[in-house]
Amino acid sequence: MRLRRKPWFWPILVLLLVLVATGAARVYHTALLGSGFMAKSLCSGIFVSRRDRDSLINEDMSGPGYELLVLFQTDIDRAAKQITASMFGLGRRTAIYREGLGCTLLVDKTEAKLRAQSEGLLASSAPASPLELWPEGERVDTEALPPAIDRAKLQAAIEAAFAEPHPDHPRRTRALVVVHDGRIVAERYAPGFGASTPLLGWSMSKMAVNALTGLLVQDGCLHLADKALLPEWTHLEDPRAAITLDQLLRMTSGLAFKEDYADHASDIIQMLYVEGDQAGFAAAKPLAHPPGSYWHYSGGTSNIIARVMRPCFAHARDYLHFPRARLFAPLGMQSAVLEPDETGTFVGSTFLYASARDWARLGLLYLRDGVWQGQRLLPQGWVSYSLRPTQKAPDGEYGAHVWLKLPESVGGGDPAMPEDGYYMLGYEEQIVAVIPSRNLVIVRLGLTHNGGDWDNARDLAPIVQAFPRTELAPERNGTSDG
């Protein structure tokens, strides 16, 4: 006998099938994201930072927000320098290491194609002399401090930076370097880390994008007023053609982009760990505001700038060699690695690895107004341009890919940081602080998850207060720039 269906049967069945399909899609997307994150992070951690797997898993990939990673498995091939991750075989992703370029996540390209792209690309440069004082070499003398420095106050502030007064809210400071008058006067590292350990800067990477852009402006290839920056933005009178390079640098492009590391569905997370063409992903976003009318912090714009640079080079290899040839090597940043995505565009928003000493070299370049060892590296006026407050940024807190003020301090910032300070800031409380009025550069690298007991103003200001003011500090140009 034929079974008769109730009238509600088919709608309910369709609804159940939709729910199952939606759930399966979410599971698969979670698998892709988790696999991409684990493969890429482990690859860079092991082959760039030269850390061991267990410390990466147990420290960097554990705690609140990382609970689901216990469902993922990894295969580490040290001979091939590649790492594959999946969730019980689902969403499998592989990241490969290439000398000088770090690790790249494979999404649509083959390993063979990427390795052929970089074969013989970057020869190792000569190491810095262990006999010359930093920054020309790697020798550091922290004993002969000028008498005006309060040694006791400095030492106490450094001890406090590595202390863990609240174990439930760990600071996890890993590296601290203090540069005064062009020399390292104090440094300290957590166990397992050292002066040559390259560590991820996260959004501090944007300062390298600023410098590289300045070099191409100096070359005459790029101009701050340039428009129609990407071919896809000029199609059918696309309104994004009105976006200028200056607006990208100042985060006023108007492009929609959700920058939230706590939200796994946000644009920044999807761009970094799911997409193969990261600049293309960001460039495809629609305008949320007319260009130049609204300030919105977006890592996607940094990767767009990195792609805008590419036509300045006749060959892809020249582009891939550019950061080391024109920025890292002249500064002696031997550890620095700026990683590209699989299309060959640098992930300037995030993936610059460098030792604390090399991050300090980058900060010192800006403190010296773009001059290095008596030679002008960045164009005349570039640092001044970068430090002009962006008109639409709240309270003038942002310049051109550089923070001019620290976000509101949880600890009140007492004592306060000097008003002339400016900063490279990165996720999990990475910071390079440049303080002209004290002739200081301070680097702090760590792993402070959300809720950790670290506050940049509260914890770095005591270090600053140990140093005297200098009468030679230039005044920051307070004129806003749109």
Protein backbone atom coordinates (compact mmCIF):
# COMPACT_ATOMS: atom_id res chain seq x y z
CA MET A 1 0.00 0.00 0.00
CA ARG A 2 1.25 3.43 -0.89
CA LEU A 3 2.14 5.56 2.11
CA ARG A 4 0.38 8.94 2.18
CA ARG A 5 2.44 11.94 3.22
CA LYS A 6 1.04 14.59 5.52
CA PRO A 7 0.97 18.10 3.97
CA TRP A 8 3.72 19.26 6.30
CA PHE A 9 6.11 16.43 5.45
CA TRP A 10 7.85 17.95 2.42
CA PRO A 11 8.46 21.40 3.93
CA ILE A 12 9.91 19.78 7.04
CA LEU A 13 12.13 17.49 4.93
CA VAL A 14 13.41 20.42 2.88
CA LEU A 15 14.11 22.36 6.06
CA LEU A 16 16.05 19.44 7.54
CA LEU A 17 18.09 19.05 4.38
CA VAL A 18 18.90 22.77 4.37
CA LEU A 19 19.99 22.59 8.02
CA VAL A 20 22.19 19.58 7.33
CA ALA A 21 23.74 21.26 4.29
CA THR A 22 24.28 24.50 6.19
CA GLY A 23 25.86 22.64 9.09
CA ALA A 24 28.09 20.68 6.74
CA ALA A 25 29.18 23.89 5.01
CA ARG A 26 30.05 25.47 8.36
CA VAL A 27 32.00 22.43 9.44
CA TYR A 28 33.93 22.40 6.18
CA HIS A 29 34.69 26.11 6.41
CA THR A 30 35.86 25.66 9.99
CA ALA A 31 38.09 22.84 8.79
CA LEU A 32 39.58 25.04 6.06
CA LEU A 33 40.22 27.91 8.45
CA GLY A 34 41.70 25.75 11.21
CA SER A 35 43.87 23.81 8.77
CA GLY A 36 45.11 26.99 7.12
CA PHE A 37 45.93 28.59 10.46
CA MET A 38 47.77 25.55 11.79
CA ALA A 39 49.71 24.80 8.61
CA LYS A 40 50.81 28.41 8.10
CA SER A 41 51.55 29.19 11.77
CA LEU A 42 53.48 26.00 12.40
CA CYS A 43 55.41 26.36 9.16
CA SER A 44 56.56 29.90 10.00
CA GLY A 45 57.14 29.03 13.64
CA ILE A 46 59.33 26.03 12.85
CA PHE A 47 61.19 27.14 9.72
CA VAL A 48 61.36 30.92 10.19
CA SER A 49 61.42 31.37 13.97
CA ARG A 50 63.21 28.01 14.42
CA ARG A 51 61.03 26.97 17.33
CA ASP A 52 59.92 23.45 18.23
CA ARG A 53 56.47 22.09 17.48
CA ASP A 54 55.48 21.43 21.08
CA SER A 55 56.12 24.98 22.26
CA LEU A 56 54.12 26.34 19.34
CA ILE A 57 51.19 24.02 19.99
CA ASN A 58 51.20 24.36 23.76
CA GLU A 59 51.87 28.11 23.94
CA ASP A 60 50.84 29.87 20.73
CA MET A 61 47.90 27.64 19.82
CA SER A 62 46.25 26.98 23.16
CA GLY A 63 43.98 28.87 25.52
CA PRO A 64 40.74 30.83 24.98
CA GLY A 65 39.76 31.00 21.33
CA TYR A 66 41.94 28.06 20.32
CA GLU A 67 39.89 25.20 21.80
CA LEU A 68 38.86 23.71 18.44
CA LEU A 69 42.47 23.20 17.37
CA VAL A 70 42.57 19.94 19.36
CA LEU A 71 40.48 18.48 16.49
CA PHE A 72 43.25 19.09 13.94
CA GLN A 73 46.19 16.91 12.98
CA THR A 74 49.46 17.99 11.38
CA ASP A 75 52.11 16.31 9.25
CA ILE A 76 55.54 17.95 9.40
CA ASP A 77 57.92 17.14 6.54
CA ARG A 78 61.22 18.73 7.58
CA ALA A 79 63.08 17.49 4.55
CA ALA A 80 60.60 19.06 2.12
CA LYS A 81 60.06 22.02 4.50
CA GLN A 82 56.31 21.83 4.38
CA ILE A 83 53.50 21.26 6.86
CA THR A 84 50.03 19.88 6.17
CA ALA A 85 47.08 20.16 8.54
CA SER A 86 43.50 18.89 8.47
CA MET A 87 40.54 18.11 10.69
CA PHE A 88 40.42 14.32 10.43
CA GLY A 89 41.26 14.67 6.74
CA LEU A 90 38.75 17.46 6.11
CA GLY A 91 39.82 20.87 4.80
CA ARG A 92 43.41 19.79 4.20
CA ARG A 93 45.87 22.67 3.73
CA THR A 94 49.63 22.76 3.15
CA ALA A 95 52.12 25.54 3.79
CA ILE A 96 55.60 25.46 2.27
CA TYR A 97 58.80 27.20 3.31
CA ARG A 98 61.05 28.97 0.79
CA GLU A 99 64.41 30.45 1.75
CA GLY A 100 64.18 34.21 2.14
CA LEU A 101 60.40 34.23 1.64
CA GLY A 102 59.27 32.27 4.66
CA CYS A 103 56.06 30.24 4.51
CA THR A 104 53.18 30.45 2.08
CA LEU A 105 49.81 28.72 2.28
CA LEU A 106 48.84 26.74 -0.82
CA VAL A 107 45.23 27.28 -1.87
CA ASP A 108 44.98 27.27 -5.66
CA LYS A 109 48.63 27.03 -6.74
CA THR A 110 50.84 23.97 -6.75
CA GLU A 111 53.94 23.55 -4.66
CA ALA A 112 56.01 23.01 -7.80
CA LYS A 113 54.92 26.34 -9.26
CA LEU A 114 55.77 28.28 -6.11
CA ARG A 115 59.15 26.62 -5.69
CA ALA A 116 60.02 27.31 -9.32
CA GLN A 117 59.02 30.96 -8.79
CA SER A 118 61.57 31.39 -6.02
CA GLU A 119 64.36 29.05 -7.06
CA GLY A 120 67.72 30.73 -6.43
CA LEU A 121 65.95 34.00 -5.72
CA LEU A 122 67.47 35.22 -2.49
CA ALA A 123 71.06 34.45 -1.64
CA SER A 124 71.98 34.78 2.02
CA SER A 125 73.66 38.07 2.83
CA ALA A 126 76.75 38.33 4.99
CA PRO A 127 75.98 38.23 8.72
CA ALA A 128 76.52 41.35 10.80
CA SER A 129 79.88 41.59 12.50
CA PRO A 130 79.89 40.22 16.06
CA LEU A 131 82.66 42.72 16.91
CA GLU A 132 80.99 45.96 15.83
CA LEU A 133 78.48 47.62 18.11
CA TRP A 134 74.80 47.37 17.22
CA PRO A 135 73.25 48.55 14.90
CA GLU A 136 76.25 48.27 12.53
CA GLY A 137 77.09 44.91 14.10
CA GLU A 138 75.65 42.67 16.78
CA ARG A 139 77.85 43.50 19.77
CA VAL A 140 75.95 45.05 22.67
CA ASP A 141 77.43 46.81 25.70
CA THR A 142 74.81 47.37 28.39
CA GLU A 143 77.30 48.20 31.15
CA ALA A 144 78.58 51.60 30.05
CA LEU A 145 75.32 53.52 30.48
CA PRO A 146 75.46 57.32 30.42
CA PRO A 147 75.20 58.73 33.97
CA ALA A 148 71.96 60.58 33.15
CA ILE A 149 70.11 57.25 32.78
CA ASP A 150 68.45 56.03 35.97
CA ARG A 151 69.85 52.49 35.95
CA ALA A 152 67.81 51.32 38.94
CA LYS A 153 64.53 52.60 37.49
CA LEU A 154 65.34 51.04 34.10
CA GLN A 155 66.16 47.65 35.60
CA ALA A 156 63.02 47.67 37.73
CA ALA A 157 60.85 48.47 34.71
CA ILE A 158 62.41 45.65 32.68
CA GLU A 159 61.91 43.18 35.54
CA ALA A 160 58.27 44.25 35.76
CA ALA A 161 57.79 43.71 32.01
CA PHE A 162 58.70 40.03 32.40
CA ALA A 163 56.93 39.49 35.74
CA GLU A 164 53.66 37.59 35.99
CA PRO A 165 51.78 39.17 38.90
CA HIS A 166 48.46 37.70 37.75
CA PRO A 167 48.98 34.09 36.51
CA ASP A 168 45.37 33.90 35.29
CA HIS A 169 46.10 36.87 32.99
CA PRO A 170 49.62 36.17 31.69
CA ARG A 171 51.76 38.81 29.99
CA ARG A 172 54.14 36.39 28.25
CA THR A 173 56.72 38.99 27.30
CA ARG A 174 59.25 37.27 25.05
CA ALA A 175 61.67 40.01 24.06
CA LEU A 176 62.44 43.53 25.19
CA VAL A 177 65.05 45.80 23.59
CA VAL A 178 65.76 49.39 24.61
CA VAL A 179 67.74 51.66 22.27
CA HIS A 180 69.04 55.03 23.44
CA ASP A 181 71.15 57.40 21.38
CA GLY A 182 71.43 54.77 18.66
CA ARG A 183 72.75 51.93 20.85
CA ILE A 184 71.10 49.05 22.69
CA VAL A 185 71.35 49.89 26.38
CA ALA A 186 69.15 47.07 27.70
CA GLU A 187 67.63 43.84 26.43
CA ARG A 188 66.10 40.70 27.84
CA TYR A 189 64.53 37.53 26.48
CA ALA A 190 62.24 34.87 27.87
CA PRO A 191 63.51 31.26 28.02
CA GLY A 192 63.51 29.72 24.55
CA PHE A 193 63.94 33.06 22.79
CA GLY A 194 67.04 35.09 22.00
CA ALA A 195 68.55 38.04 20.20
CA SER A 196 68.43 36.24 16.84
CA THR A 197 64.90 34.76 17.12
CA PRO A 198 62.66 36.13 14.35
CA LEU A 199 59.16 36.77 15.75
CA LEU A 200 55.93 37.75 14.06
CA GLY A 201 55.13 41.45 14.18
CA TRP A 202 51.49 41.10 13.08
CA SER A 203 50.32 44.63 12.21
CA MET A 204 53.73 46.13 12.95
CA SER A 205 54.46 44.81 9.47
CA LYS A 206 52.59 47.83 8.13
CA MET A 207 55.57 50.06 8.93
CA ALA A 208 57.63 48.08 6.42
CA VAL A 209 54.86 48.73 3.88
CA ASN A 210 55.19 52.42 4.68
CA ALA A 211 58.96 52.30 4.12
CA LEU A 212 58.72 50.31 0.88
CA THR A 213 56.09 52.71 -0.43
CA GLY A 214 58.38 55.62 0.39
CA LEU A 215 61.20 54.02 -1.60
CA LEU A 216 58.98 53.64 -4.67
CA VAL A 217 57.74 57.22 -4.29
CA GLN A 218 61.38 58.25 -4.21
CA ASP A 219 61.97 56.23 -7.38
CA GLY A 220 59.14 58.08 -9.08
CA CYS A 221 57.13 54.93 -9.75
CA LEU A 222 54.39 55.72 -7.23
CA HIS A 223 52.79 59.02 -6.24
CA LEU A 224 50.56 59.68 -3.25
CA ALA A 225 47.84 61.17 -5.48
CA ASP A 226 47.76 58.16 -7.82
CA LYS A 227 44.24 56.81 -8.57
CA ALA A 228 42.85 53.85 -10.51
CA LEU A 229 45.39 51.79 -8.63
CA LEU A 230 44.20 48.33 -9.69
CA PRO A 231 42.93 47.12 -13.08
CA GLU A 232 39.68 45.76 -11.62
CA TRP A 233 38.85 49.14 -10.10
CA THR A 234 38.81 50.86 -13.49
CA HIS A 235 36.24 48.49 -14.99
CA LEU A 236 32.91 50.08 -15.94
CA GLU A 237 33.60 53.29 -14.03
CA ASP A 238 34.10 51.53 -10.72
CA PRO A 239 33.84 54.14 -7.90
CA ARG A 240 36.89 52.54 -6.26
CA ALA A 241 38.97 54.12 -9.02
CA ALA A 242 38.83 57.33 -6.98
CA ILE A 243 40.83 55.78 -4.10
CA THR A 244 44.30 57.30 -3.84
CA LEU A 245 47.51 55.76 -2.54
CA ASP A 246 47.52 58.36 0.24
CA GLN A 247 44.04 57.22 1.33
CA LEU A 248 45.18 53.61 1.46
CA LEU A 249 48.14 54.56 3.62
CA ARG A 250 45.89 56.59 5.93
CA MET A 251 43.09 53.99 6.16
CA THR A 252 40.54 56.33 4.57
CA SER A 253 39.92 54.33 1.38
CA GLY A 254 36.28 53.74 2.33
CA LEU A 255 36.52 50.03 1.52
CA ALA A 256 34.44 47.68 3.65
CA PHE A 257 36.59 45.40 5.77
CA LYS A 258 35.98 43.79 9.16
CA GLU A 259 39.13 43.75 11.30
CA ASP A 260 38.32 41.53 14.29
CA TYR A 261 40.69 38.74 15.33
CA ALA A 262 38.15 37.43 17.86
CA ASP A 263 35.60 36.75 15.11
CA HIS A 264 36.67 33.77 13.01
CA ALA A 265 34.29 34.86 10.24
CA SER A 266 35.82 38.36 10.01
CA ASP A 267 37.55 39.55 6.87
CA ILE A 268 41.02 39.70 8.45
CA ILE A 269 40.90 36.04 9.54
CA GLN A 270 39.47 34.81 6.25
CA MET A 271 42.04 36.81 4.28
CA LEU A 272 45.05 35.49 6.20
CA TYR A 273 44.17 31.81 6.57
CA VAL A 274 41.61 30.89 3.89
CA GLU A 275 42.27 33.02 0.81
CA GLY A 276 45.08 32.42 -1.66
CA ASP A 277 44.97 35.90 -3.22
CA GLN A 278 44.87 38.07 -0.13
CA ALA A 279 45.18 41.45 -1.82
CA GLY A 280 42.53 40.39 -4.34
CA PHE A 281 40.19 39.42 -1.50
CA ALA A 282 40.55 42.88 0.08
CA ALA A 283 40.35 44.72 -3.25
CA ALA A 284 37.06 43.01 -4.11
CA LYS A 285 35.32 44.61 -1.13
CA PRO A 286 32.78 47.32 -1.99
CA LEU A 287 32.94 50.90 -0.81
CA ALA A 288 31.25 51.42 2.55
CA HIS A 289 32.02 55.16 2.45
CA PRO A 290 33.19 57.60 -0.20
CA PRO A 291 37.01 57.60 -0.44
CA GLY A 292 38.60 60.05 1.97
CA SER A 293 35.46 60.60 4.04
CA TYR A 294 35.87 58.03 6.82
CA TRP A 295 38.71 56.43 8.79
CA HIS A 296 38.56 52.67 9.32
CA TYR A 297 41.52 50.49 10.28
CA SER A 298 41.94 47.67 7.78
CA GLY A 299 44.72 45.17 7.22
CA GLY A 300 43.32 44.56 3.78
CA THR A 301 44.47 47.98 2.58
CA SER A 302 48.09 47.14 3.41
CA ASN A 303 47.95 44.11 1.13
CA ILE A 304 46.35 46.19 -1.60
CA ILE A 305 49.30 48.59 -1.34
CA ALA A 306 51.69 45.64 -1.60
CA ARG A 307 49.95 44.66 -4.83
CA VAL A 308 49.96 48.25 -6.14
CA MET A 309 53.76 48.08 -5.91
CA ARG A 310 54.08 45.14 -8.30
CA PRO A 311 53.88 47.00 -11.66
CA CYS A 312 56.97 48.95 -10.58
CA PHE A 313 59.01 45.82 -11.34
CA ALA A 314 59.61 44.23 -14.72
CA HIS A 315 59.77 40.74 -13.26
CA ALA A 316 58.12 39.03 -10.28
CA ARG A 317 61.56 38.06 -8.98
CA ASP A 318 62.56 41.73 -8.80
CA TYR A 319 59.48 42.45 -6.70
CA LEU A 320 60.17 39.52 -4.36
CA HIS A 321 63.76 40.69 -3.95
CA PHE A 322 62.79 44.32 -3.34
CA PRO A 323 62.30 44.36 0.48
CA ARG A 324 65.63 42.71 1.18
CA ALA A 325 67.61 44.61 -1.42
CA ARG A 326 66.29 48.08 -0.62
CA LEU A 327 65.26 47.95 3.06
CA PHE A 328 66.36 44.96 5.12
CA ALA A 329 69.93 44.59 3.83
CA PRO A 330 70.82 48.30 4.09
CA LEU A 331 69.53 48.33 7.69
CA GLY A 332 71.32 45.10 8.59
CA MET A 333 67.99 43.36 9.29
CA GLN A 334 69.43 39.90 8.61
CA SER A 335 66.58 38.05 10.32
CA ALA A 336 63.75 39.89 8.53
CA VAL A 337 61.41 37.83 6.34
CA LEU A 338 58.34 39.36 4.68
CA GLU A 339 56.16 36.49 3.53
CA PRO A 340 54.11 36.58 0.30
CA ASP A 341 50.82 34.84 -0.46
CA GLU A 342 50.63 32.25 -3.22
CA THR A 343 50.10 34.91 -5.92
CA GLY A 344 53.49 36.37 -5.00
CA THR A 345 52.14 39.51 -3.31
CA PHE A 346 53.60 40.34 0.09
CA VAL A 347 51.24 40.03 3.05
CA GLY A 348 52.20 43.48 4.27
CA SER A 349 49.33 43.59 6.72
CA THR A 350 50.76 40.90 8.96
CA PHE A 351 53.52 38.49 8.01
CA LEU A 352 56.84 40.24 8.69
CA TYR A 353 59.07 38.17 10.97
CA ALA A 354 62.14 39.79 12.54
CA SER A 355 64.21 39.62 15.69
CA ALA A 356 63.64 42.23 18.39
CA ARG A 357 66.98 43.79 17.44
CA ASP A 358 65.90 44.05 13.81
CA TRP A 359 62.53 45.53 14.72
CA ALA A 360 64.56 48.10 16.69
CA ARG A 361 66.61 48.86 13.55
CA LEU A 362 63.40 49.67 11.68
CA GLY A 363 62.29 51.96 14.50
CA LEU A 364 65.69 53.63 14.58
CA LEU A 365 65.44 54.40 10.86
CA TYR A 366 62.34 56.50 11.56
CA LEU A 367 63.86 58.11 14.65
CA ARG A 368 66.71 59.21 12.39
CA ASP A 369 64.27 60.71 9.84
CA GLY A 370 64.95 58.01 7.26
CA VAL A 371 68.75 58.39 7.34
CA TRP A 372 70.98 55.37 7.97
CA GLN A 373 74.73 55.54 8.62
CA GLY A 374 74.85 59.02 7.13
CA GLN A 375 73.00 58.05 3.95
CA ARG A 376 69.40 59.01 3.22
CA LEU A 377 67.36 55.86 2.73
CA LEU A 378 63.78 57.16 2.83
CA PRO A 379 62.91 60.26 0.80
CA GLN A 380 63.31 63.69 2.36
CA GLY A 381 60.09 64.56 4.18
CA TRP A 382 58.71 61.00 4.15
CA VAL A 383 58.83 60.53 7.92
CA SER A 384 57.24 63.94 8.43
CA TYR A 385 54.47 62.98 5.98
CA SER A 386 53.92 59.67 7.75
CA LEU A 387 53.59 61.38 11.14
CA ARG A 388 51.03 63.97 10.05
CA PRO A 389 47.74 63.08 11.77
CA THR A 390 45.06 61.74 9.46
CA GLN A 391 42.17 64.20 9.59
CA LYS A 392 39.43 61.59 9.86
CA ALA A 393 41.20 59.42 12.45
CA PRO A 394 39.74 59.75 15.96
CA ASP A 395 41.72 62.25 18.04
CA GLY A 396 44.45 62.31 15.38
CA GLU A 397 45.65 58.89 16.54
CA TYR A 398 46.81 57.63 13.14
CA GLY A 399 49.19 58.89 10.47
CA ALA A 400 50.18 57.01 7.31
CA HIS A 401 50.41 53.38 8.39
CA VAL A 402 51.71 54.39 11.84
CA TRP A 403 49.99 55.00 15.18
CA LEU A 404 50.52 58.46 16.66
CA LYS A 405 48.83 57.68 19.97
CA LEU A 406 48.34 54.54 21.99
CA PRO A 407 44.76 53.31 22.23
CA GLU A 408 43.11 54.16 25.52
CA SER A 409 45.12 52.56 28.28
CA VAL A 410 43.41 49.97 30.45
CA GLY A 411 45.83 50.82 33.24
CA GLY A 412 45.43 54.56 32.84
CA GLY A 413 48.89 55.08 31.38
CA ASP A 414 50.32 56.51 34.60
CA PRO A 415 52.92 57.81 34.08
CA ALA A 416 51.82 58.85 30.62
CA MET A 417 53.86 58.25 27.49
CA PRO A 418 55.42 61.40 25.95
CA GLU A 419 53.19 63.23 23.48
CA ASP A 420 55.76 63.05 20.68
CA GLY A 421 55.88 59.24 20.70
CA TYR A 422 54.67 57.15 17.76
CA TYR A 423 54.21 53.43 17.45
CA MET A 424 54.15 50.27 15.45
CA LEU A 425 51.44 48.14 17.04
CA GLY A 426 50.60 44.46 16.47
CA TYR A 427 48.15 41.85 17.65
CA GLU A 428 48.86 40.28 21.05
CA GLU A 429 50.58 43.48 22.21
CA GLN A 430 53.58 43.71 19.89
CA ILE A 431 54.99 47.22 19.91
CA VAL A 432 57.87 49.32 18.66
CA ALA A 433 57.73 52.69 20.44
CA VAL A 434 59.71 55.60 19.01
CA ILE A 435 60.15 58.48 21.47
CA PRO A 436 62.14 61.37 19.92
CA SER A 437 62.10 63.49 23.08
CA ARG A 438 64.06 60.77 24.89
CA ASN A 439 66.05 59.59 21.84
CA LEU A 440 64.51 56.17 22.44
CA VAL A 441 63.30 53.11 20.56
CA ILE A 442 61.66 50.37 22.65
CA VAL A 443 60.67 46.97 21.28
CA ARG A 444 58.39 44.60 23.16
CA LEU A 445 57.38 41.26 21.62
CA GLY A 446 55.15 38.77 23.36
CA LEU A 447 52.10 36.53 23.38
CA THR A 448 49.54 38.45 25.39
CA HIS A 449 46.16 36.97 24.57
CA ASN A 450 42.99 38.99 25.08
CA GLY A 451 42.64 39.60 28.82
CA GLY A 452 46.36 39.31 29.50
CA ASP A 453 47.90 41.70 32.00
CA TRP A 454 49.86 43.94 29.64
CA ASP A 455 49.25 47.62 28.97
CA ASN A 456 51.63 49.46 26.65
CA ALA A 457 51.31 52.86 28.30
CA ARG A 458 51.40 51.54 31.84
CA ASP A 459 54.26 49.08 31.29
CA LEU A 460 56.51 51.01 28.91
CA ALA A 461 56.24 54.47 30.44
CA PRO A 462 58.44 53.51 33.44
CA ILE A 463 61.19 52.58 30.97
CA VAL A 464 60.83 55.93 29.22
CA GLN A 465 60.96 57.78 32.53
CA ALA A 466 64.40 56.32 33.23
CA PHE A 467 65.87 58.43 30.41
CA PRO A 468 66.46 62.18 30.28
CA ARG A 469 64.76 64.47 27.80
CA THR A 470 66.80 65.61 24.84
CA GLU A 471 66.71 69.16 23.58
CA LEU A 472 67.32 67.94 20.02
CA ALA A 473 63.96 66.22 19.59
CA PRO A 474 62.13 67.61 16.52
CA GLU A 475 58.60 68.91 16.86
CA ARG A 476 55.96 66.74 15.25
CA ASN A 477 54.05 68.49 12.52
CA GLY A 478 50.55 68.79 13.94
CA THR A 479 48.90 69.64 10.61
CA SER A 480 46.26 67.07 9.76
CA ASP A 481 46.39 65.29 6.45
CA GLY A 482 43.25 63.98 4.84
